[in-house]
Amino acid sequence: MESPMSHIYQSYAKLYLGIVVVIYGCSVEPPEPSPYANLIDVPPGFPEQQFPADNVPNEDRILLGRLLFYSTKMSQDSDVACVNCHYPGSSFTGMQQVSQGTQGRIGSRNSPSLANVGYKPHFLMEGGVPTLEMQALVPIQEHSEFGMNMLDVIERFTSDNVVQSLSHKAYGRPFDAFVLTRALASFERTFVSGRSRVDRNMLSAAEKRGKDLFFSNRTNCSSCHGGFLYTNHGFANNGAYESYADQGKARLTGKQSDAAVFAIPSLRNISVTAPYMHDGRIQSLSEVINHYNRGGFAHPNKSALIRPLGLNSQETSDLEAFLLALTDETFLYNPRFSR
């Protein structure tokens, strides 16, 4: 296995080679582009991301964040990293019913996708964390995730020459909590997905029928899953249960009206983010569609939009076909996200 240092040297070597070729014009073949030449891909129809003034991404910040994303040093037993619950090929989800942290500790929620996380206005299923930089603090201290104290995490990296060198280059200071949270956020802001067949208008007849259903008043899918990210960034109860063990947004607000209410996820790359729902209770996309077609279970806070749809088997198949077409394979297999 190659060391983190070798990956960094390879990245810089490719960048410098490209610069030399451009300056001297002596290459017959076009140079291989730097993996971070554009830093953040912005697909057609997507707006530019808005960055905090103290954390505008640059190549060093992204490289450091990438290293941290794959590092196990932030977990108590040095046995798990961010990637364990957010794998690139599954649109940065965990592929498990619920997250599994250090020492095999089992969480209570399904790991959400990090695709397009740089556009989110709030974080966690309660929406209680307002910035991507602050979000990184949660898994580090969470007992069922990394189970660490931030001071101990920073101490582990004190003698890591690669991390310390990149920290000075990226932020002009030794590695600390400020650097850790901002570097991770910089790397995560590169997780942009918007080049599916839906985006390119390359749909089959069945997928087009499914798209019409999705945006119709009959299903109202787009009321919650509209916009370029296929989410309205709101919160809702979708009738997953009659009685919930997880109180959702009420854990944050204490309001009964927020009981069992959760953040509405994006549907981009939904084909690879199973299992579904806040606790990963549904294993397949067809089961999800059937859940909504039935109208879900009764709950005092269930959204009025969740009601029996009366779709026949052909219509549910068409709807699933459209959702599958939201898969962005160039994103899932982008080499800049690989270990």
C-alpha atoms as a PDB file:
ATOM      1  CA  MET A   1       0.000   0.000   0.000  1.00  0.00           C
ATOM      2  CA  GLU A   2       1.351   3.399  -0.895  1.00  0.00           C
ATOM      3  CA  SER A   3       1.956   5.905   1.883  1.00  0.00           C
ATOM      4  CA  PRO A   4      -0.017   9.181   2.188  1.00  0.00           C
ATOM      5  CA  MET A   5       3.242  10.976   1.371  1.00  0.00           C
ATOM      6  CA  SER A   6       3.523   9.193  -1.975  1.00  0.00           C
ATOM      7  CA  HIS A   7      -0.012  10.254  -2.952  1.00  0.00           C
ATOM      8  CA  ILE A   8       0.800  13.872  -2.165  1.00  0.00           C
ATOM      9  CA  TYR A   9       4.070  13.779  -4.082  1.00  0.00           C
ATOM     10  CA  GLN A  10       2.284  12.210  -7.066  1.00  0.00           C
ATOM     11  CA  SER A  11      -0.357  14.957  -7.013  1.00  0.00           C
ATOM     12  CA  TYR A  12       2.230  17.724  -6.964  1.00  0.00           C
ATOM     13  CA  ALA A  13       4.386  15.997  -9.586  1.00  0.00           C
ATOM     14  CA  LYS A  14       1.451  15.919 -12.013  1.00  0.00           C
ATOM     15  CA  LEU A  15       0.694  19.578 -11.378  1.00  0.00           C
ATOM     16  CA  TYR A  16       4.278  20.694 -11.923  1.00  0.00           C
ATOM     17  CA  LEU A  17       4.638  18.583 -15.069  1.00  0.00           C
ATOM     18  CA  GLY A  18       1.580  20.281 -16.551  1.00  0.00           C
ATOM     19  CA  ILE A  19       3.032  23.716 -15.815  1.00  0.00           C
ATOM     20  CA  VAL A  20       6.359  22.873 -17.464  1.00  0.00           C
ATOM     21  CA  VAL A  21       4.646  21.614 -20.614  1.00  0.00           C
ATOM     22  CA  VAL A  22       2.486  24.724 -20.895  1.00  0.00           C
ATOM     23  CA  ILE A  23       5.458  27.049 -20.472  1.00  0.00           C
ATOM     24  CA  TYR A  24       7.806  25.336 -22.888  1.00  0.00           C
ATOM     25  CA  GLY A  25       5.309  23.837 -25.310  1.00  0.00           C
ATOM     26  CA  CYS A  26       7.556  20.849 -26.031  1.00  0.00           C
ATOM     27  CA  SER A  27       5.063  18.020 -25.500  1.00  0.00           C
ATOM     28  CA  VAL A  28       3.334  16.278 -28.394  1.00  0.00           C
ATOM     29  CA  GLU A  29       0.720  14.621 -26.200  1.00  0.00           C
ATOM     30  CA  PRO A  30      -1.536  16.838 -24.061  1.00  0.00           C
ATOM     31  CA  PRO A  31      -0.387  16.817 -20.442  1.00  0.00           C
ATOM     32  CA  GLU A  32      -2.312  14.856 -17.847  1.00  0.00           C
ATOM     33  CA  PRO A  33      -4.307  17.404 -15.870  1.00  0.00           C
ATOM     34  CA  SER A  34      -3.770  17.870 -12.171  1.00  0.00           C
ATOM     35  CA  PRO A  35      -6.403  15.993 -10.165  1.00  0.00           C
ATOM     36  CA  TYR A  36      -7.322  19.339  -8.589  1.00  0.00           C
ATOM     37  CA  ALA A  37      -6.802  21.574 -11.632  1.00  0.00           C
ATOM     38  CA  ASN A  38     -10.335  22.916 -11.393  1.00  0.00           C
ATOM     39  CA  LEU A  39     -10.578  22.344  -7.643  1.00  0.00           C
ATOM     40  CA  ILE A  40     -14.370  21.998  -7.687  1.00  0.00           C
ATOM     41  CA  ASP A  41     -16.420  20.778 -10.618  1.00  0.00           C
ATOM     42  CA  VAL A  42     -19.524  22.881 -11.269  1.00  0.00           C
ATOM     43  CA  PRO A  43     -21.927  20.986 -13.583  1.00  0.00           C
ATOM     44  CA  PRO A  44     -24.201  22.867 -16.002  1.00  0.00           C
ATOM     45  CA  GLY A  45     -27.173  24.352 -14.159  1.00  0.00           C
ATOM     46  CA  PHE A  46     -25.416  24.335 -10.783  1.00  0.00           C
ATOM     47  CA  PRO A  47     -24.616  27.589  -8.983  1.00  0.00           C
ATOM     48  CA  GLU A  48     -21.190  28.310  -7.564  1.00  0.00           C
ATOM     49  CA  GLN A  49     -20.725  27.306  -3.946  1.00  0.00           C
ATOM     50  CA  GLN A  50     -20.422  29.990  -1.315  1.00  0.00           C
ATOM     51  CA  PHE A  51     -17.296  29.659   0.840  1.00  0.00           C
ATOM     52  CA  PRO A  52     -16.516  31.025   4.315  1.00  0.00           C
ATOM     53  CA  ALA A  53     -14.073  33.914   4.152  1.00  0.00           C
ATOM     54  CA  ASP A  54     -11.531  31.958   6.221  1.00  0.00           C
ATOM     55  CA  ASN A  55     -11.819  28.767   4.173  1.00  0.00           C
ATOM     56  CA  VAL A  56     -11.819  29.449   0.454  1.00  0.00           C
ATOM     57  CA  PRO A  57     -10.607  26.131  -1.035  1.00  0.00           C
ATOM     58  CA  ASN A  58      -7.181  25.848  -2.585  1.00  0.00           C
ATOM     59  CA  GLU A  59      -5.153  22.841  -3.626  1.00  0.00           C
ATOM     60  CA  ASP A  60      -3.217  22.480  -0.359  1.00  0.00           C
ATOM     61  CA  ARG A  61      -6.399  22.659   1.711  1.00  0.00           C
ATOM     62  CA  ILE A  62      -8.101  20.033  -0.427  1.00  0.00           C
ATOM     63  CA  LEU A  63      -5.051  17.749  -0.317  1.00  0.00           C
ATOM     64  CA  LEU A  64      -4.902  17.983   3.468  1.00  0.00           C
ATOM     65  CA  GLY A  65      -8.621  17.363   3.783  1.00  0.00           C
ATOM     66  CA  ARG A  66      -8.336  14.323   1.537  1.00  0.00           C
ATOM     67  CA  LEU A  67      -5.568  12.894   3.714  1.00  0.00           C
ATOM     68  CA  LEU A  68      -7.656  13.442   6.861  1.00  0.00           C
ATOM     69  CA  PHE A  69     -10.778  11.939   5.291  1.00  0.00           C
ATOM     70  CA  TYR A  70      -8.936   8.631   4.880  1.00  0.00           C
ATOM     71  CA  SER A  71      -6.980   8.768   8.140  1.00  0.00           C
ATOM     72  CA  THR A  72      -7.918   6.462  11.023  1.00  0.00           C
ATOM     73  CA  LYS A  73      -5.999   8.586  13.543  1.00  0.00           C
ATOM     74  CA  MET A  74      -9.137  10.517  14.448  1.00  0.00           C
ATOM     75  CA  SER A  75     -10.846   7.420  15.918  1.00  0.00           C
ATOM     76  CA  GLN A  76     -10.243   6.058  19.397  1.00  0.00           C
ATOM     77  CA  ASP A  77      -8.730   2.744  18.330  1.00  0.00           C
ATOM     78  CA  SER A  78      -7.354   4.087  15.028  1.00  0.00           C
ATOM     79  CA  ASP A  79      -9.671   1.635  13.304  1.00  0.00           C
ATOM     80  CA  VAL A  80     -12.158   3.779  11.341  1.00  0.00           C
ATOM     81  CA  ALA A  81     -12.020   6.906   9.199  1.00  0.00           C
ATOM     82  CA  CYS A  82     -14.576   9.192   7.570  1.00  0.00           C
ATOM     83  CA  VAL A  83     -14.536   6.930   4.515  1.00  0.00           C
ATOM     84  CA  ASN A  84     -15.859   3.975   6.517  1.00  0.00           C
ATOM     85  CA  CYS A  85     -19.284   5.626   6.679  1.00  0.00           C
ATOM     86  CA  HIS A  86     -18.935   7.691   3.502  1.00  0.00           C
ATOM     87  CA  TYR A  87     -17.591   5.565   0.674  1.00  0.00           C
ATOM     88  CA  PRO A  88     -17.141   7.316  -2.732  1.00  0.00           C
ATOM     89  CA  GLY A  89     -18.670   4.531  -4.818  1.00  0.00           C
ATOM     90  CA  SER A  90     -21.894   4.680  -2.807  1.00  0.00           C
ATOM     91  CA  SER A  91     -22.221   8.456  -3.166  1.00  0.00           C
ATOM     92  CA  PHE A  92     -20.369   8.828   0.135  1.00  0.00           C
ATOM     93  CA  THR A  93     -22.789   6.718   2.186  1.00  0.00           C
ATOM     94  CA  GLY A  94     -21.881   3.753   4.371  1.00  0.00           C
ATOM     95  CA  MET A  95     -23.728   0.872   2.650  1.00  0.00           C
ATOM     96  CA  GLN A  96     -24.872  -0.350   6.083  1.00  0.00           C
ATOM     97  CA  GLN A  97     -28.215  -0.037   7.819  1.00  0.00           C
ATOM     98  CA  VAL A  98     -26.696   2.222  10.462  1.00  0.00           C
ATOM     99  CA  SER A  99     -23.218   3.616  10.968  1.00  0.00           C
ATOM    100  CA  GLN A 100     -20.528   1.562  12.682  1.00  0.00           C
ATOM    101  CA  GLY A 101     -17.788   3.362  14.566  1.00  0.00           C
ATOM    102  CA  THR A 102     -14.664   2.647  16.559  1.00  0.00           C
ATOM    103  CA  GLN A 103     -14.485  -0.670  18.411  1.00  0.00           C
ATOM    104  CA  GLY A 104     -17.428  -1.866  16.328  1.00  0.00           C
ATOM    105  CA  ARG A 105     -19.852   0.461  18.134  1.00  0.00           C
ATOM    106  CA  ILE A 106     -23.193   0.595  16.369  1.00  0.00           C
ATOM    107  CA  GLY A 107     -24.956   3.895  15.772  1.00  0.00           C
ATOM    108  CA  SER A 108     -28.669   4.527  15.456  1.00  0.00           C
ATOM    109  CA  ARG A 109     -28.885   6.252  12.068  1.00  0.00           C
ATOM    110  CA  ASN A 110     -28.125   5.544   8.447  1.00  0.00           C
ATOM    111  CA  SER A 111     -25.098   7.463   7.147  1.00  0.00           C
ATOM    112  CA  PRO A 112     -26.283  10.224   4.793  1.00  0.00           C
ATOM    113  CA  SER A 113     -24.740  10.879   1.394  1.00  0.00           C
ATOM    114  CA  LEU A 114     -22.114  13.612   1.250  1.00  0.00           C
ATOM    115  CA  ALA A 115     -22.737  14.300  -2.436  1.00  0.00           C
ATOM    116  CA  ASN A 116     -23.165  18.063  -2.954  1.00  0.00           C
ATOM    117  CA  VAL A 117     -22.676  18.639   0.760  1.00  0.00           C
ATOM    118  CA  GLY A 118     -21.117  22.028  -0.012  1.00  0.00           C
ATOM    119  CA  TYR A 119     -24.558  23.333  -0.988  1.00  0.00           C
ATOM    120  CA  LYS A 120     -26.344  22.291   2.199  1.00  0.00           C
ATOM    121  CA  PRO A 121     -27.662  25.048   4.495  1.00  0.00           C
ATOM    122  CA  HIS A 122     -27.566  22.857   7.614  1.00  0.00           C
ATOM    123  CA  PHE A 123     -26.282  19.480   8.774  1.00  0.00           C
ATOM    124  CA  LEU A 124     -27.337  16.343  10.661  1.00  0.00           C
ATOM    125  CA  MET A 125     -30.868  14.965  10.491  1.00  0.00           C
ATOM    126  CA  GLU A 126     -32.028  17.616  12.962  1.00  0.00           C
ATOM    127  CA  GLY A 127     -30.391  20.424  11.017  1.00  0.00           C
ATOM    128  CA  GLY A 128     -28.774  21.687  14.196  1.00  0.00           C
ATOM    129  CA  VAL A 129     -25.278  22.276  12.772  1.00  0.00           C
ATOM    130  CA  PRO A 130     -25.093  25.391  10.587  1.00  0.00           C
ATOM    131  CA  THR A 131     -21.756  24.944   8.758  1.00  0.00           C
ATOM    132  CA  LEU A 132     -19.783  22.178   7.115  1.00  0.00           C
ATOM    133  CA  GLU A 133     -16.757  23.151   9.196  1.00  0.00           C
ATOM    134  CA  MET A 134     -18.686  22.612  12.436  1.00  0.00           C
ATOM    135  CA  GLN A 135     -20.100  19.288  11.249  1.00  0.00           C
ATOM    136  CA  ALA A 136     -16.687  17.630  11.480  1.00  0.00           C
ATOM    137  CA  LEU A 137     -16.720  18.105  15.243  1.00  0.00           C
ATOM    138  CA  VAL A 138     -19.729  15.813  15.681  1.00  0.00           C
ATOM    139  CA  PRO A 139     -18.359  12.420  14.559  1.00  0.00           C
ATOM    140  CA  ILE A 140     -15.047  13.027  16.319  1.00  0.00           C
ATOM    141  CA  GLN A 141     -16.630  13.306  19.752  1.00  0.00           C
ATOM    142  CA  GLU A 142     -19.605  10.989  19.149  1.00  0.00           C
ATOM    143  CA  HIS A 143     -19.175   7.797  21.222  1.00  0.00           C
ATOM    144  CA  SER A 144     -20.567   5.527  18.518  1.00  0.00           C
ATOM    145  CA  GLU A 145     -18.434   7.110  15.791  1.00  0.00           C
ATOM    146  CA  PHE A 146     -14.833   8.185  16.514  1.00  0.00           C
ATOM    147  CA  GLY A 147     -15.199   8.504  20.298  1.00  0.00           C
ATOM    148  CA  MET A 148     -12.355  11.003  20.648  1.00  0.00           C
ATOM    149  CA  ASN A 149     -11.521  14.282  22.327  1.00  0.00           C
ATOM    150  CA  MET A 150     -10.363  16.901  19.818  1.00  0.00           C
ATOM    151  CA  LEU A 151      -7.245  17.700  21.844  1.00  0.00           C
ATOM    152  CA  ASP A 152      -6.229  14.046  21.683  1.00  0.00           C
ATOM    153  CA  VAL A 153      -6.815  13.988  17.948  1.00  0.00           C
ATOM    154  CA  ILE A 154      -4.546  16.990  17.432  1.00  0.00           C
ATOM    155  CA  GLU A 155      -1.885  15.395  19.641  1.00  0.00           C
ATOM    156  CA  ARG A 156      -1.835  12.314  17.403  1.00  0.00           C
ATOM    157  CA  PHE A 157      -0.874  14.442  14.428  1.00  0.00           C
ATOM    158  CA  THR A 158       1.847  16.428  16.242  1.00  0.00           C
ATOM    159  CA  SER A 159       4.671  14.282  14.871  1.00  0.00           C
ATOM    160  CA  ASP A 160       3.079  13.716  11.450  1.00  0.00           C
ATOM    161  CA  ASN A 161       5.406  15.663   9.190  1.00  0.00           C
ATOM    162  CA  VAL A 162       3.134  15.410   6.148  1.00  0.00           C
ATOM    163  CA  VAL A 163       0.121  16.816   7.982  1.00  0.00           C
ATOM    164  CA  GLN A 164       2.155  19.538   9.679  1.00  0.00           C
ATOM    165  CA  SER A 165       3.769  20.597   6.407  1.00  0.00           C
ATOM    166  CA  LEU A 166       0.445  20.750   4.573  1.00  0.00           C
ATOM    167  CA  SER A 167      -1.125  22.607   7.496  1.00  0.00           C
ATOM    168  CA  HIS A 168       1.449  25.389   7.232  1.00  0.00           C
ATOM    169  CA  LYS A 169       1.086  25.554   3.447  1.00  0.00           C
ATOM    170  CA  ALA A 170      -2.698  25.534   3.538  1.00  0.00           C
ATOM    171  CA  TYR A 171      -3.451  27.733   6.548  1.00  0.00           C
ATOM    172  CA  GLY A 172      -0.149  29.251   7.686  1.00  0.00           C
ATOM    173  CA  ARG A 173      -0.291  27.639  11.119  1.00  0.00           C
ATOM    174  CA  PRO A 174       0.481  24.360  12.918  1.00  0.00           C
ATOM    175  CA  PHE A 175      -2.154  21.655  12.713  1.00  0.00           C
ATOM    176  CA  ASP A 176      -5.000  22.312  15.146  1.00  0.00           C
ATOM    177  CA  ALA A 177      -8.798  22.048  15.374  1.00  0.00           C
ATOM    178  CA  PHE A 178      -9.204  25.104  13.134  1.00  0.00           C
ATOM    179  CA  VAL A 179      -7.147  23.466  10.408  1.00  0.00           C
ATOM    180  CA  LEU A 180      -8.705  20.011  10.806  1.00  0.00           C
ATOM    181  CA  THR A 181     -12.300  21.169  10.467  1.00  0.00           C
ATOM    182  CA  ARG A 182     -11.599  23.513   7.584  1.00  0.00           C
ATOM    183  CA  ALA A 183      -9.437  21.121   5.592  1.00  0.00           C
ATOM    184  CA  LEU A 184     -12.056  18.375   5.824  1.00  0.00           C
ATOM    185  CA  ALA A 185     -14.723  20.829   4.698  1.00  0.00           C
ATOM    186  CA  SER A 186     -12.562  21.933   1.756  1.00  0.00           C
ATOM    187  CA  PHE A 187     -12.193  18.362   0.516  1.00  0.00           C
ATOM    188  CA  GLU A 188     -15.881  17.606   1.042  1.00  0.00           C
ATOM    189  CA  ARG A 189     -16.850  20.652  -1.020  1.00  0.00           C
ATOM    190  CA  THR A 190     -15.341  18.899  -4.022  1.00  0.00           C
ATOM    191  CA  PHE A 191     -18.009  16.159  -3.771  1.00  0.00           C
ATOM    192  CA  VAL A 192     -20.183  17.662  -6.490  1.00  0.00           C
ATOM    193  CA  SER A 193     -22.531  15.398  -8.447  1.00  0.00           C
ATOM    194  CA  GLY A 194     -24.631  16.697 -11.335  1.00  0.00           C
ATOM    195  CA  ARG A 195     -23.867  14.767 -14.509  1.00  0.00           C
ATOM    196  CA  SER A 196     -26.458  11.983 -14.530  1.00  0.00           C
ATOM    197  CA  ARG A 197     -28.452  10.990 -17.596  1.00  0.00           C
ATOM    198  CA  VAL A 198     -31.306  13.082 -16.227  1.00  0.00           C
ATOM    199  CA  ASP A 199     -29.029  16.129 -16.285  1.00  0.00           C
ATOM    200  CA  ARG A 200     -27.958  15.328 -19.832  1.00  0.00           C
ATOM    201  CA  ASN A 201     -31.540  14.680 -20.965  1.00  0.00           C
ATOM    202  CA  MET A 202     -30.677  11.171 -22.145  1.00  0.00           C
ATOM    203  CA  LEU A 203     -33.761   9.277 -20.957  1.00  0.00           C
ATOM    204  CA  SER A 204     -35.564   6.225 -22.251  1.00  0.00           C
ATOM    205  CA  ALA A 205     -39.317   6.239 -22.804  1.00  0.00           C
ATOM    206  CA  ALA A 206     -39.911   4.611 -19.409  1.00  0.00           C
ATOM    207  CA  GLU A 207     -37.626   7.104 -17.678  1.00  0.00           C
ATOM    208  CA  LYS A 208     -39.437   9.999 -19.319  1.00  0.00           C
ATOM    209  CA  ARG A 209     -42.766   8.652 -18.116  1.00  0.00           C
ATOM    210  CA  GLY A 210     -41.289   8.317 -14.652  1.00  0.00           C
ATOM    211  CA  LYS A 211     -40.016  11.883 -14.795  1.00  0.00           C
ATOM    212  CA  ASP A 212     -43.494  13.133 -15.719  1.00  0.00           C
ATOM    213  CA  LEU A 213     -44.934  11.238 -12.758  1.00  0.00           C
ATOM    214  CA  PHE A 214     -42.238  12.547 -10.422  1.00  0.00           C
ATOM    215  CA  PHE A 215     -43.031  16.168 -11.263  1.00  0.00           C
ATOM    216  CA  SER A 216     -46.801  15.683 -11.455  1.00  0.00           C
ATOM    217  CA  ASN A 217     -49.433  16.908  -9.005  1.00  0.00           C
ATOM    218  CA  ARG A 218     -50.482  13.296  -8.695  1.00  0.00           C
ATOM    219  CA  THR A 219     -47.359  12.248  -6.809  1.00  0.00           C
ATOM    220  CA  ASN A 220     -46.011  15.619  -5.605  1.00  0.00           C
ATOM    221  CA  CYS A 221     -42.543  14.053  -5.321  1.00  0.00           C
ATOM    222  CA  SER A 222     -40.917  17.305  -6.372  1.00  0.00           C
ATOM    223  CA  SER A 223     -42.571  19.224  -3.533  1.00  0.00           C
ATOM    224  CA  CYS A 224     -39.956  17.750  -1.202  1.00  0.00           C
ATOM    225  CA  HIS A 225     -37.404  16.604  -3.765  1.00  0.00           C
ATOM    226  CA  GLY A 226     -37.249  19.501  -6.204  1.00  0.00           C
ATOM    227  CA  GLY A 227     -34.490  21.842  -7.304  1.00  0.00           C
ATOM    228  CA  PHE A 228     -31.100  20.983  -8.744  1.00  0.00           C
ATOM    229  CA  LEU A 229     -30.263  18.814  -5.720  1.00  0.00           C
ATOM    230  CA  TYR A 230     -33.643  17.031  -5.610  1.00  0.00           C
ATOM    231  CA  THR A 231     -34.313  18.211  -2.077  1.00  0.00           C
ATOM    232  CA  ASN A 232     -35.925  21.334  -0.645  1.00  0.00           C
ATOM    233  CA  HIS A 233     -33.601  21.127   2.399  1.00  0.00           C
ATOM    234  CA  GLY A 234     -36.682  20.969   4.616  1.00  0.00           C
ATOM    235  CA  PHE A 235     -37.816  18.561   7.321  1.00  0.00           C
ATOM    236  CA  ALA A 236     -40.697  16.112   7.344  1.00  0.00           C
ATOM    237  CA  ASN A 237     -42.158  12.946   8.799  1.00  0.00           C
ATOM    238  CA  ASN A 238     -42.711  10.467   5.977  1.00  0.00           C
ATOM    239  CA  GLY A 239     -44.753   7.874   7.837  1.00  0.00           C
ATOM    240  CA  ALA A 240     -41.947   5.346   8.189  1.00  0.00           C
ATOM    241  CA  TYR A 241     -43.404   4.153  11.508  1.00  0.00           C
ATOM    242  CA  GLU A 242     -46.404   4.672  13.747  1.00  0.00           C
ATOM    243  CA  SER A 243     -44.034   4.939  16.718  1.00  0.00           C
ATOM    244  CA  TYR A 244     -40.416   6.082  16.461  1.00  0.00           C
ATOM    245  CA  ALA A 245     -37.481   5.250  18.712  1.00  0.00           C
ATOM    246  CA  ASP A 246     -35.608   8.242  17.257  1.00  0.00           C
ATOM    247  CA  GLN A 247     -37.356  11.543  17.924  1.00  0.00           C
ATOM    248  CA  GLY A 248     -35.631  13.323  15.066  1.00  0.00           C
ATOM    249  CA  LYS A 249     -35.694  17.101  15.096  1.00  0.00           C
ATOM    250  CA  ALA A 250     -37.411  17.102  18.512  1.00  0.00           C
ATOM    251  CA  ARG A 251     -34.058  16.076  19.994  1.00  0.00           C
ATOM    252  CA  LEU A 252     -32.881  19.558  19.042  1.00  0.00           C
ATOM    253  CA  THR A 253     -35.969  21.696  19.578  1.00  0.00           C
ATOM    254  CA  GLY A 254     -37.873  19.795  22.262  1.00  0.00           C
ATOM    255  CA  LYS A 255     -41.097  20.485  20.356  1.00  0.00           C
ATOM    256  CA  GLN A 256     -43.685  17.766  20.020  1.00  0.00           C
ATOM    257  CA  SER A 257     -44.452  19.033  16.518  1.00  0.00           C
ATOM    258  CA  ASP A 258     -40.871  18.091  15.568  1.00  0.00           C
ATOM    259  CA  ALA A 259     -41.086  14.542  16.933  1.00  0.00           C
ATOM    260  CA  ALA A 260     -39.973  11.973  14.325  1.00  0.00           C
ATOM    261  CA  VAL A 261     -39.304  14.747  11.801  1.00  0.00           C
ATOM    262  CA  PHE A 262     -36.074  14.407   9.809  1.00  0.00           C
ATOM    263  CA  ALA A 263     -34.097  16.298   7.178  1.00  0.00           C
ATOM    264  CA  ILE A 264     -35.263  15.576   3.631  1.00  0.00           C
ATOM    265  CA  PRO A 265     -32.381  13.973   1.696  1.00  0.00           C
ATOM    266  CA  SER A 266     -31.309  14.521  -1.885  1.00  0.00           C
ATOM    267  CA  LEU A 267     -32.316  11.840  -4.374  1.00  0.00           C
ATOM    268  CA  ARG A 268     -29.199  12.175  -6.485  1.00  0.00           C
ATOM    269  CA  ASN A 269     -27.448   8.803  -6.848  1.00  0.00           C
ATOM    270  CA  ILE A 270     -30.327   7.163  -4.994  1.00  0.00           C
ATOM    271  CA  SER A 271     -29.568   3.905  -6.823  1.00  0.00           C
ATOM    272  CA  VAL A 272     -26.384   3.374  -4.776  1.00  0.00           C
ATOM    273  CA  THR A 273     -27.355   4.768  -1.368  1.00  0.00           C
ATOM    274  CA  ALA A 274     -29.327   1.803  -0.003  1.00  0.00           C
ATOM    275  CA  PRO A 275     -30.456   1.019   2.608  1.00  0.00           C
ATOM    276  CA  TYR A 276     -32.940   3.868   2.929  1.00  0.00           C
ATOM    277  CA  MET A 277     -34.760   5.975   5.565  1.00  0.00           C
ATOM    278  CA  HIS A 278     -33.229   7.582   8.656  1.00  0.00           C
ATOM    279  CA  ASP A 279     -32.537   4.185  10.219  1.00  0.00           C
ATOM    280  CA  GLY A 280     -31.848   2.220   7.052  1.00  0.00           C
ATOM    281  CA  ARG A 281     -34.913   0.033   7.514  1.00  0.00           C
ATOM    282  CA  ILE A 282     -35.793  -0.265   3.794  1.00  0.00           C
ATOM    283  CA  GLN A 283     -33.409  -2.276   1.643  1.00  0.00           C
ATOM    284  CA  SER A 284     -34.471  -1.496  -1.929  1.00  0.00           C
ATOM    285  CA  LEU A 285     -35.628   1.464  -3.997  1.00  0.00           C
ATOM    286  CA  SER A 286     -38.730  -0.405  -5.141  1.00  0.00           C
ATOM    287  CA  GLU A 287     -39.705  -0.888  -1.484  1.00  0.00           C
ATOM    288  CA  VAL A 288     -39.317   2.860  -0.927  1.00  0.00           C
ATOM    289  CA  ILE A 289     -41.648   3.598  -3.833  1.00  0.00           C
ATOM    290  CA  ASN A 290     -44.171   1.071  -2.549  1.00  0.00           C
ATOM    291  CA  HIS A 291     -44.018   2.715   0.884  1.00  0.00           C
ATOM    292  CA  TYR A 292     -45.005   6.068  -0.583  1.00  0.00           C
ATOM    293  CA  ASN A 293     -47.554   4.492  -2.914  1.00  0.00           C
ATOM    294  CA  ARG A 294     -49.299   2.988   0.123  1.00  0.00           C
ATOM    295  CA  GLY A 295     -49.205   6.337   1.920  1.00  0.00           C
ATOM    296  CA  GLY A 296     -46.986   5.332   4.820  1.00  0.00           C
ATOM    297  CA  PHE A 297     -47.997   4.666   8.404  1.00  0.00           C
ATOM    298  CA  ALA A 298     -50.149   6.962  10.482  1.00  0.00           C
ATOM    299  CA  HIS A 299     -48.310   9.429  12.711  1.00  0.00           C
ATOM    300  CA  PRO A 300     -49.445  12.750  14.217  1.00  0.00           C
ATOM    301  CA  ASN A 301     -46.645  14.610  12.432  1.00  0.00           C
ATOM    302  CA  LYS A 302     -46.815  12.825   9.086  1.00  0.00           C
ATOM    303  CA  SER A 303     -46.639  15.246   6.164  1.00  0.00           C
ATOM    304  CA  ALA A 304     -49.953  15.878   4.404  1.00  0.00           C
ATOM    305  CA  LEU A 305     -48.131  15.123   1.148  1.00  0.00           C
ATOM    306  CA  ILE A 306     -47.678  11.490   2.207  1.00  0.00           C
ATOM    307  CA  ARG A 307     -50.898   9.809   1.062  1.00  0.00           C
ATOM    308  CA  PRO A 308     -51.876   6.779  -1.067  1.00  0.00           C
ATOM    309  CA  LEU A 309     -50.911   7.483  -4.673  1.00  0.00           C
ATOM    310  CA  GLY A 310     -52.735   4.711  -6.490  1.00  0.00           C
ATOM    311  CA  LEU A 311     -49.886   4.001  -8.905  1.00  0.00           C
ATOM    312  CA  ASN A 312     -50.113   0.759 -10.862  1.00  0.00           C
ATOM    313  CA  SER A 313     -47.164  -1.594 -11.377  1.00  0.00           C
ATOM    314  CA  GLN A 314     -46.160   0.024 -14.685  1.00  0.00           C
ATOM    315  CA  GLU A 315     -46.159   3.469 -13.114  1.00  0.00           C
ATOM    316  CA  THR A 316     -44.088   2.392 -10.097  1.00  0.00           C
ATOM    317  CA  SER A 317     -41.637   0.760 -12.503  1.00  0.00           C
ATOM    318  CA  ASP A 318     -41.412   3.939 -14.569  1.00  0.00           C
ATOM    319  CA  LEU A 319     -40.888   6.059 -11.467  1.00  0.00           C
ATOM    320  CA  GLU A 320     -38.095   3.781 -10.318  1.00  0.00           C
ATOM    321  CA  ALA A 321     -36.514   3.957 -13.781  1.00  0.00           C
ATOM    322  CA  PHE A 322     -36.393   7.754 -13.555  1.00  0.00           C
ATOM    323  CA  LEU A 323     -34.838   7.669 -10.101  1.00  0.00           C
ATOM    324  CA  LEU A 324     -32.206   5.207 -11.284  1.00  0.00           C
ATOM    325  CA  ALA A 325     -31.333   7.634 -14.081  1.00  0.00           C
ATOM    326  CA  LEU A 326     -30.233  10.158 -11.426  1.00  0.00           C
ATOM    327  CA  THR A 327     -27.052   8.099 -11.019  1.00  0.00           C
ATOM    328  CA  ASP A 328     -23.893  10.063 -11.836  1.00  0.00           C
ATOM    329  CA  GLU A 329     -21.263   7.457 -12.651  1.00  0.00           C
ATOM    330  CA  THR A 330     -18.565  10.034 -13.374  1.00  0.00           C
ATOM    331  CA  PHE A 331     -18.962  11.159  -9.772  1.00  0.00           C
ATOM    332  CA  LEU A 332     -19.061   7.689  -8.225  1.00  0.00           C
ATOM    333  CA  TYR A 333     -15.848   6.621  -9.951  1.00  0.00           C
ATOM    334  CA  ASN A 334     -13.980   9.909  -9.953  1.00  0.00           C
ATOM    335  CA  PRO A 335     -10.300   9.091  -9.248  1.00  0.00           C
ATOM    336  CA  ARG A 336      -9.785  12.263  -7.224  1.00  0.00           C
ATOM    337  CA  PHE A 337     -11.944  10.734  -4.479  1.00  0.00           C
ATOM    338  CA  SER A 338     -10.234   7.338  -4.342  1.00  0.00           C
ATOM    339  CA  ARG A 339      -7.930   6.269  -1.541  1.00  0.00           C
END
